[in-house]
C-alpha atoms as a PDB file:
ATOM      1  CA  MET A   1     -38.717   8.627  13.785  1.00  0.00           C
ATOM      2  CA  ILE A   2     -36.837   5.460  12.897  1.00  0.00           C
ATOM      3  CA  THR A   3     -36.577   2.481  15.205  1.00  0.00           C
ATOM      4  CA  LYS A   4     -33.139   1.307  16.568  1.00  0.00           C
ATOM      5  CA  LYS A   5     -33.327  -1.795  14.342  1.00  0.00           C
ATOM      6  CA  VAL A   6     -33.765   0.430  11.181  1.00  0.00           C
ATOM      7  CA  GLU A   7     -31.187   2.779  12.349  1.00  0.00           C
ATOM      8  CA  LYS A   8     -28.592   0.020  12.724  1.00  0.00           C
ATOM      9  CA  ALA A   9     -29.387  -1.463   9.351  1.00  0.00           C
ATOM     10  CA  LEU A  10     -28.946   1.977   7.765  1.00  0.00           C
ATOM     11  CA  ASN A  11     -25.712   2.607   9.625  1.00  0.00           C
ATOM     12  CA  ASP A  12     -24.394  -0.745   8.376  1.00  0.00           C
ATOM     13  CA  GLN A  13     -25.392   0.376   4.810  1.00  0.00           C
ATOM     14  CA  ILE A  14     -23.576   3.717   5.355  1.00  0.00           C
ATOM     15  CA  LYS A  15     -20.444   1.715   6.234  1.00  0.00           C
ATOM     16  CA  LEU A  16     -20.773  -0.430   3.205  1.00  0.00           C
ATOM     17  CA  GLU A  17     -21.275   2.451   0.887  1.00  0.00           C
ATOM     18  CA  ALA A  18     -18.152   4.286   2.315  1.00  0.00           C
ATOM     19  CA  GLN A  19     -16.192   1.036   2.073  1.00  0.00           C
ATOM     20  CA  SER A  20     -17.234   0.775  -1.584  1.00  0.00           C
ATOM     21  CA  SER A  21     -16.129   4.263  -2.378  1.00  0.00           C
ATOM     22  CA  GLN A  22     -12.613   3.558  -0.872  1.00  0.00           C
ATOM     23  CA  PHE A  23     -12.430   0.175  -2.675  1.00  0.00           C
ATOM     24  CA  TYR A  24     -13.190   1.804  -5.988  1.00  0.00           C
ATOM     25  CA  LEU A  25     -10.755   4.694  -5.277  1.00  0.00           C
ATOM     26  CA  ALA A  26      -8.018   2.158  -4.630  1.00  0.00           C
ATOM     27  CA  MET A  27      -8.929   0.485  -7.852  1.00  0.00           C
ATOM     28  CA  ALA A  28      -8.832   3.764  -9.701  1.00  0.00           C
ATOM     29  CA  SER A  29      -5.387   4.611  -8.343  1.00  0.00           C
ATOM     30  CA  TRP A  30      -3.992   1.230  -9.341  1.00  0.00           C
ATOM     31  CA  ALA A  31      -5.468   1.572 -12.830  1.00  0.00           C
ATOM     32  CA  GLU A  32      -3.966   4.951 -13.323  1.00  0.00           C
ATOM     33  CA  THR A  33      -0.490   3.748 -12.356  1.00  0.00           C
ATOM     34  CA  GLN A  34      -0.811   0.895 -14.818  1.00  0.00           C
ATOM     35  CA  GLY A  35      -1.610   3.231 -17.708  1.00  0.00           C
ATOM     36  CA  PHE A  36      -5.421   2.561 -17.822  1.00  0.00           C
ATOM     37  CA  ASN A  37      -6.437   6.078 -17.694  1.00  0.00           C
ATOM     38  CA  GLY A  38      -9.936   5.489 -18.922  1.00  0.00           C
ATOM     39  CA  THR A  39     -10.495   2.841 -16.428  1.00  0.00           C
ATOM     40  CA  ALA A  40      -9.161   5.101 -13.808  1.00  0.00           C
ATOM     41  CA  THR A  41     -11.531   7.905 -14.753  1.00  0.00           C
ATOM     42  CA  PHE A  42     -14.494   5.546 -14.753  1.00  0.00           C
ATOM     43  CA  LEU A  43     -13.511   4.180 -11.292  1.00  0.00           C
ATOM     44  CA  TYR A  44     -12.858   7.573  -9.666  1.00  0.00           C
ATOM     45  CA  ALA A  45     -16.324   8.639 -10.840  1.00  0.00           C
ATOM     46  CA  HIS A  46     -17.737   5.343  -9.475  1.00  0.00           C
ATOM     47  CA  SER A  47     -15.974   6.071  -6.140  1.00  0.00           C
ATOM     48  CA  ASP A  48     -17.670   9.563  -6.043  1.00  0.00           C
ATOM     49  CA  GLU A  49     -20.959   7.962  -6.769  1.00  0.00           C
ATOM     50  CA  GLU A  50     -20.723   5.451  -3.873  1.00  0.00           C
ATOM     51  CA  ARG A  51     -19.669   8.375  -1.537  1.00  0.00           C
ATOM     52  CA  MET A  52     -22.889  10.224  -2.674  1.00  0.00           C
ATOM     53  CA  HIS A  53     -24.946   7.110  -1.876  1.00  0.00           C
ATOM     54  CA  MET A  54     -23.353   7.131   1.664  1.00  0.00           C
ATOM     55  CA  LEU A  55     -24.114  10.847   2.141  1.00  0.00           C
ATOM     56  CA  LYS A  56     -27.746  10.330   1.124  1.00  0.00           C
ATOM     57  CA  LEU A  57     -28.094   7.767   3.724  1.00  0.00           C
ATOM     58  CA  VAL A  58     -26.340   9.919   6.409  1.00  0.00           C
ATOM     59  CA  LYS A  59     -28.594  12.750   5.779  1.00  0.00           C
ATOM     60  CA  PHE A  60     -31.756  10.512   5.852  1.00  0.00           C
ATOM     61  CA  VAL A  61     -30.895   8.879   9.062  1.00  0.00           C
ATOM     62  CA  ASN A  62     -30.218  12.229  10.703  1.00  0.00           C
ATOM     63  CA  GLU A  63     -33.421  13.792   9.137  1.00  0.00           C
ATOM     64  CA  ARG A  64     -35.508  10.885  10.616  1.00  0.00           C
ATOM     65  CA  GLY A  65     -34.376  11.485  14.150  1.00  0.00           C
ATOM     66  CA  GLY A  66     -31.631   8.866  14.238  1.00  0.00           C
ATOM     67  CA  THR A  67     -27.802   9.238  14.500  1.00  0.00           C
ATOM     68  CA  ALA A  68     -25.721   8.531  11.397  1.00  0.00           C
ATOM     69  CA  ILE A  69     -22.458   7.019  12.370  1.00  0.00           C
ATOM     70  CA  ILE A  70     -19.470   7.798  10.426  1.00  0.00           C
ATOM     71  CA  PRO A  71     -17.490   4.583  10.293  1.00  0.00           C
ATOM     72  CA  GLN A  72     -13.825   3.747  10.624  1.00  0.00           C
ATOM     73  CA  LEU A  73     -12.945   1.963   7.364  1.00  0.00           C
ATOM     74  CA  GLU A  74     -10.512  -0.875   6.659  1.00  0.00           C
ATOM     75  CA  ALA A  75      -7.750   0.007   4.300  1.00  0.00           C
ATOM     76  CA  PRO A  76      -8.495  -1.299   0.663  1.00  0.00           C
ATOM     77  CA  PRO A  77      -5.835  -3.230  -1.300  1.00  0.00           C
ATOM     78  CA  VAL A  78      -3.088  -1.217  -2.891  1.00  0.00           C
ATOM     79  CA  ALA A  79      -2.421  -3.503  -5.841  1.00  0.00           C
ATOM     80  CA  PHE A  80      -4.607  -5.683  -8.074  1.00  0.00           C
ATOM     81  CA  GLU A  81      -3.851  -8.700 -10.244  1.00  0.00           C
ATOM     82  CA  SER A  82      -5.268  -7.351 -13.480  1.00  0.00           C
ATOM     83  CA  LEU A  83      -7.946  -5.271 -15.116  1.00  0.00           C
ATOM     84  CA  ASN A  84     -10.120  -8.495 -15.274  1.00  0.00           C
ATOM     85  CA  TYR A  85      -9.587  -9.063 -11.580  1.00  0.00           C
ATOM     86  CA  ILE A  86     -10.702  -5.490 -10.784  1.00  0.00           C
ATOM     87  CA  PHE A  87     -13.981  -5.809 -12.607  1.00  0.00           C
ATOM     88  CA  GLU A  88     -14.620  -9.262 -11.262  1.00  0.00           C
ATOM     89  CA  GLU A  89     -14.210  -7.852  -7.724  1.00  0.00           C
ATOM     90  CA  LEU A  90     -16.367  -4.825  -8.614  1.00  0.00           C
ATOM     91  CA  LEU A  91     -19.192  -7.165  -9.674  1.00  0.00           C
ATOM     92  CA  ASN A  92     -18.831  -9.326  -6.533  1.00  0.00           C
ATOM     93  CA  HIS A  93     -18.917  -6.235  -4.481  1.00  0.00           C
ATOM     94  CA  GLU A  94     -21.995  -4.941  -6.102  1.00  0.00           C
ATOM     95  CA  VAL A  95     -23.725  -8.196  -5.604  1.00  0.00           C
ATOM     96  CA  ALA A  96     -22.912  -7.890  -1.832  1.00  0.00           C
ATOM     97  CA  VAL A  97     -24.211  -4.310  -1.743  1.00  0.00           C
ATOM     98  CA  THR A  98     -27.496  -5.532  -3.367  1.00  0.00           C
ATOM     99  CA  LYS A  99     -27.862  -8.239  -0.700  1.00  0.00           C
ATOM    100  CA  SER A 100     -27.227  -5.687   2.038  1.00  0.00           C
ATOM    101  CA  ILE A 101     -29.785  -3.236   0.508  1.00  0.00           C
ATOM    102  CA  ASN A 102     -32.362  -6.086   0.377  1.00  0.00           C
ATOM    103  CA  ASN A 103     -31.547  -6.685   4.139  1.00  0.00           C
ATOM    104  CA  VAL A 104     -32.273  -3.006   4.841  1.00  0.00           C
ATOM    105  CA  VAL A 105     -35.532  -3.241   2.967  1.00  0.00           C
ATOM    106  CA  ASP A 106     -36.509  -6.402   4.819  1.00  0.00           C
ATOM    107  CA  VAL A 107     -35.815  -4.788   8.209  1.00  0.00           C
ATOM    108  CA  CYS A 108     -38.041  -1.839   7.141  1.00  0.00           C
ATOM    109  CA  LEU A 109     -40.903  -4.158   6.298  1.00  0.00           C
ATOM    110  CA  GLN A 110     -40.495  -6.081   9.648  1.00  0.00           C
ATOM    111  CA  GLU A 111     -40.431  -2.831  11.536  1.00  0.00           C
ATOM    112  CA  LYS A 112     -43.416  -1.432   9.466  1.00  0.00           C
ATOM    113  CA  ASP A 113     -41.293   1.558   8.441  1.00  0.00           C
ATOM    114  CA  TYR A 114     -42.854   2.371   5.104  1.00  0.00           C
ATOM    115  CA  THR A 115     -41.094   5.780   4.890  1.00  0.00           C
ATOM    116  CA  THR A 116     -37.620   4.163   4.981  1.00  0.00           C
ATOM    117  CA  HIS A 117     -38.833   1.436   2.734  1.00  0.00           C
ATOM    118  CA  ASN A 118     -39.972   3.927   0.225  1.00  0.00           C
ATOM    119  CA  PHE A 119     -36.610   5.812   0.511  1.00  0.00           C
ATOM    120  CA  MET A 120     -34.692   2.538  -0.044  1.00  0.00           C
ATOM    121  CA  GLN A 121     -36.424   1.723  -3.329  1.00  0.00           C
ATOM    122  CA  TRP A 122     -34.080   4.276  -4.982  1.00  0.00           C
ATOM    123  CA  TYR A 123     -31.123   2.064  -3.830  1.00  0.00           C
ATOM    124  CA  VAL A 124     -32.911  -1.083  -5.053  1.00  0.00           C
ATOM    125  CA  SER A 125     -33.312   0.489  -8.531  1.00  0.00           C
ATOM    126  CA  GLU A 126     -29.686   1.816  -8.442  1.00  0.00           C
ATOM    127  CA  GLN A 127     -28.388  -1.618  -7.663  1.00  0.00           C
ATOM    128  CA  ILE A 128     -29.986  -3.227 -10.736  1.00  0.00           C
ATOM    129  CA  GLU A 129     -28.164  -0.660 -12.852  1.00  0.00           C
ATOM    130  CA  GLU A 130     -24.856  -1.152 -10.970  1.00  0.00           C
ATOM    131  CA  GLU A 131     -24.918  -4.914 -11.247  1.00  0.00           C
ATOM    132  CA  GLY A 132     -26.015  -4.694 -14.936  1.00  0.00           C
ATOM    133  CA  LEU A 133     -23.163  -2.346 -15.737  1.00  0.00           C
ATOM    134  CA  ALA A 134     -20.549  -4.559 -13.908  1.00  0.00           C
ATOM    135  CA  ARG A 135     -21.806  -7.612 -15.749  1.00  0.00           C
ATOM    136  CA  THR A 136     -21.655  -5.941 -19.127  1.00  0.00           C
ATOM    137  CA  ILE A 137     -18.061  -4.760 -18.393  1.00  0.00           C
ATOM    138  CA  ASN A 138     -17.036  -8.222 -17.374  1.00  0.00           C
ATOM    139  CA  ASP A 139     -18.574  -9.738 -20.643  1.00  0.00           C
ATOM    140  CA  LYS A 140     -16.626  -7.246 -22.670  1.00  0.00           C
ATOM    141  CA  LEU A 141     -13.412  -8.028 -20.897  1.00  0.00           C
ATOM    142  CA  ASN A 142     -14.002 -11.775 -21.373  1.00  0.00           C
ATOM    143  CA  MET A 143     -14.552 -11.181 -25.146  1.00  0.00           C
ATOM    144  CA  ILE A 144     -11.389  -9.108 -25.359  1.00  0.00           C
ATOM    145  CA  GLY A 145      -9.226 -11.733 -23.581  1.00  0.00           C
ATOM    146  CA  LYS A 146      -5.557 -10.802 -23.714  1.00  0.00           C
ATOM    147  CA  ASP A 147      -5.748  -8.634 -26.930  1.00  0.00           C
ATOM    148  CA  LYS A 148      -3.872  -5.507 -26.171  1.00  0.00           C
ATOM    149  CA  GLY A 149      -5.550  -3.586 -28.887  1.00  0.00           C
ATOM    150  CA  GLY A 150      -8.905  -4.642 -27.505  1.00  0.00           C
ATOM    151  CA  LEU A 151      -7.792  -3.540 -24.015  1.00  0.00           C
ATOM    152  CA  TYR A 152      -6.798  -0.234 -25.413  1.00  0.00           C
ATOM    153  CA  LEU A 153     -10.170   0.272 -26.936  1.00  0.00           C
ATOM    154  CA  PHE A 154     -12.058  -0.953 -23.886  1.00  0.00           C
ATOM    155  CA  ASP A 155     -10.076   1.598 -21.697  1.00  0.00           C
ATOM    156  CA  ARG A 156     -10.875   4.333 -24.118  1.00  0.00           C
ATOM    157  CA  ASP A 157     -14.541   3.374 -24.074  1.00  0.00           C
ATOM    158  CA  LEU A 158     -14.638   3.493 -20.290  1.00  0.00           C
ATOM    159  CA  GLU A 159     -13.186   7.097 -20.314  1.00  0.00           C
ATOM    160  CA  THR A 160     -15.923   7.985 -22.758  1.00  0.00           C
ATOM    161  CA  MET A 161     -18.571   6.257 -20.654  1.00  0.00           C
ATOM    162  CA  ALA A 162     -17.479   8.041 -17.452  1.00  0.00           C
ATOM    163  CA  ALA A 163     -17.419  11.431 -19.195  1.00  0.00           C
ATOM    164  CA  THR A 164     -20.995  10.811 -20.465  1.00  0.00           C
ATOM    165  CA  SER A 165     -22.171   9.682 -17.088  1.00  0.00           C
ATOM    166  CA  THR A 166     -20.660  12.831 -15.436  1.00  0.00           C
ATOM    167  CA  ASP A 167     -22.341  15.077 -17.971  1.00  0.00           C
ATOM    168  CA  ALA A 168     -25.655  13.390 -17.304  1.00  0.00           C
ATOM    169  CA  GLN A 169     -25.608  14.157 -13.587  1.00  0.00           C
END
């Protein structure tokens, strides 16, 4: 059984993961309408992954005797400045998610809930990968600059990356 403090921290994380899924879905939709089909494919897959993270938390809370709360979400933006802006925002968002996950882990330790602490280690590891990927993508975009040929190849690479990632799951 989880304590109310741990349950609240997990429900806050559920909301953040759901919001992440919606945010990435909005980014994907915008990218698709701008002709960045590879980026859209990558972001649609990323949105699905965030939703899976949320569902994993929902099931865990319920299995541990708590009540998972399915949150009302704020509407994400409809338009974005540029591809660079999208991936800068994605990195900023992943850093915020990492901070939130670390908070959940801290609450688990304060409450001596080692079962939930153990469960959250998957999220800790996942965030290292998420932040690393976001940083790598931003580095590539910075190298490309405004070169349209480079952006075309970048977009194509993201589509390949998304397909490879989906096949691995």
